[in-house]
Amino acid sequence: MRHAAPDSFQHLVDQALAAIPEDFRARLEHVRIEVQDWPDRELLASMDMGPHETLYGVYIGTPLTDRGADPGLLPDRILIFRGPLEQDFGDPGELADEIAVTVMHEIAHAFGIGEDRLEELGLG
């Protein structure tokens, strides 16, 4: 299994973000997108996931559909997990594709799109 250098992995995430139409990117100004190596145990536990379950990314925040005009909400975060993605997708092309799917999946959550609809769209 090959591992991308951290800056190469970040570049793949940046490419996935650049592929999102500007109209949508502009509405994500309240969302920070971060790359982390692995999800921590506390995060997995909060999602009722065990330590051996796979998580490629997660959206943490209040979706735009629920946000309203409350200025007191904290900035939302999307975490993309480098370790699980590299572990499961050793081919550079497959890795880039899965990063793009993961980024789109988590951004969809920021727009209030649920898992069932994401499955229908092929982003599940």
Protein backbone atom coordinates (compact mmCIF):
# COMPACT_ATOMS: atom_id res chain seq x y z
CA MET A 1 0.00 0.00 0.00
CA ARG A 2 1.39 3.39 -1.00
CA HIS A 3 0.76 6.45 1.12
CA ALA A 4 0.44 9.88 -0.38
CA ALA A 5 2.54 12.60 1.17
CA PRO A 6 0.38 14.78 3.42
CA ASP A 7 0.58 17.71 0.99
CA SER A 8 -0.32 15.40 -1.94
CA PHE A 9 -3.34 14.12 -0.03
CA GLN A 10 -4.38 17.70 0.79
CA HIS A 11 -3.98 18.53 -2.91
CA LEU A 12 -6.45 15.75 -3.77
CA VAL A 13 -8.92 17.19 -1.25
CA ASP A 14 -8.39 20.67 -2.72
CA GLN A 15 -9.04 19.29 -6.23
CA ALA A 16 -12.28 17.70 -5.03
CA LEU A 17 -13.36 21.04 -3.56
CA ALA A 18 -12.43 22.91 -6.74
CA ALA A 19 -14.73 20.59 -8.72
CA ILE A 20 -17.74 21.80 -6.73
CA PRO A 21 -19.66 24.55 -8.55
CA GLU A 22 -18.87 28.03 -7.23
CA ASP A 23 -22.52 28.65 -6.27
CA PHE A 24 -22.25 25.80 -3.76
CA ARG A 25 -18.72 26.60 -2.56
CA ALA A 26 -19.80 30.16 -1.76
CA ARG A 27 -22.45 28.80 0.62
CA LEU A 28 -19.80 26.82 2.53
CA GLU A 29 -18.05 29.85 4.01
CA HIS A 30 -19.02 28.68 7.51
CA VAL A 31 -17.48 25.20 6.98
CA ARG A 32 -13.84 24.36 7.70
CA ILE A 33 -12.53 21.34 5.83
CA GLU A 34 -9.69 19.55 7.58
CA VAL A 35 -7.59 16.48 6.87
CA GLN A 36 -6.83 14.28 9.86
CA ASP A 37 -4.92 11.01 9.94
CA TRP A 38 -7.54 8.83 11.68
CA PRO A 39 -10.85 9.35 13.51
CA ASP A 40 -10.40 9.22 17.27
CA ARG A 41 -12.18 6.76 19.52
CA GLU A 42 -14.43 9.44 21.01
CA LEU A 43 -15.72 10.44 17.58
CA LEU A 44 -16.36 6.82 16.60
CA ALA A 45 -18.14 6.19 19.91
CA SER A 46 -20.31 9.30 19.43
CA MET A 47 -21.40 7.82 16.10
CA ASP A 48 -22.03 4.38 17.62
CA MET A 49 -19.13 2.97 15.61
CA GLY A 50 -16.59 0.49 16.91
CA PRO A 51 -12.82 0.96 16.64
CA HIS A 52 -12.64 -1.43 13.68
CA GLU A 53 -15.34 0.26 11.59
CA THR A 54 -14.25 2.47 8.72
CA LEU A 55 -14.93 6.19 8.55
CA TYR A 56 -13.58 8.21 5.62
CA GLY A 57 -15.08 11.54 6.56
CA VAL A 58 -17.61 13.25 8.79
CA TYR A 59 -19.60 16.47 8.83
CA ILE A 60 -19.85 18.10 12.25
CA GLY A 61 -22.24 21.01 12.49
CA THR A 62 -25.67 22.37 11.75
CA PRO A 63 -26.85 21.85 8.15
CA LEU A 64 -27.85 24.93 6.17
CA THR A 65 -31.44 23.71 6.17
CA ASP A 66 -31.50 23.93 9.99
CA ARG A 67 -29.18 26.88 10.48
CA GLY A 68 -31.47 29.88 10.17
CA ALA A 69 -29.99 33.26 11.01
CA ASP A 70 -28.47 32.28 14.38
CA PRO A 71 -25.08 34.04 14.46
CA GLY A 72 -24.12 32.18 17.63
CA LEU A 73 -23.55 28.85 15.90
CA LEU A 74 -19.98 27.60 15.81
CA PRO A 75 -18.32 27.09 12.44
CA ASP A 76 -19.05 23.68 10.98
CA ARG A 77 -16.29 21.20 10.17
CA ILE A 78 -15.76 18.49 7.64
CA LEU A 79 -13.06 16.02 8.60
CA ILE A 80 -11.48 13.85 5.90
CA PHE A 81 -9.52 10.89 7.28
CA ARG A 82 -6.34 10.14 5.39
CA GLY A 83 -5.48 6.80 7.04
CA PRO A 84 -8.66 4.85 6.24
CA LEU A 85 -8.82 6.22 2.69
CA GLU A 86 -5.21 5.30 1.93
CA GLN A 87 -5.63 1.92 3.59
CA ASP A 88 -8.63 0.99 1.45
CA PHE A 89 -7.64 2.68 -1.84
CA GLY A 90 -4.01 1.96 -2.70
CA ASP A 91 -4.33 2.86 -6.38
CA PRO A 92 -3.74 6.63 -6.82
CA GLY A 93 -6.68 7.00 -9.22
CA GLU A 94 -9.05 5.12 -6.93
CA LEU A 95 -7.83 7.16 -3.98
CA ALA A 96 -8.49 10.44 -5.81
CA ASP A 97 -11.95 9.23 -6.84
CA GLU A 98 -12.88 8.16 -3.31
CA ILE A 99 -11.61 11.42 -1.81
CA ALA A 100 -13.86 13.27 -4.27
CA VAL A 101 -16.85 11.10 -3.32
CA THR A 102 -16.13 11.55 0.40
CA VAL A 103 -15.80 15.32 0.10
CA MET A 104 -19.05 15.53 -1.89
CA HIS A 105 -20.80 13.23 0.62
CA GLU A 106 -19.85 15.39 3.60
CA ILE A 107 -20.65 18.65 1.80
CA ALA A 108 -24.06 17.22 0.97
CA HIS A 109 -24.62 16.74 4.71
CA ALA A 110 -23.75 20.43 5.21
CA PHE A 111 -26.58 21.20 2.79
CA GLY A 112 -28.97 19.00 4.78
CA ILE A 113 -28.97 15.96 2.48
CA GLY A 114 -29.42 12.71 4.41
CA GLU A 115 -27.96 9.24 3.93
CA ASP A 116 -30.97 7.81 2.07
CA ARG A 117 -30.84 10.53 -0.57
CA LEU A 118 -27.06 10.21 -0.86
CA GLU A 119 -27.49 6.50 -1.57
CA GLU A 120 -29.96 7.37 -4.33
CA LEU A 121 -27.42 9.81 -5.79
CA GLY A 122 -24.61 7.24 -5.69
CA LEU A 123 -22.71 9.06 -2.95
CA GLY A 124 -23.56 6.65 -0.14
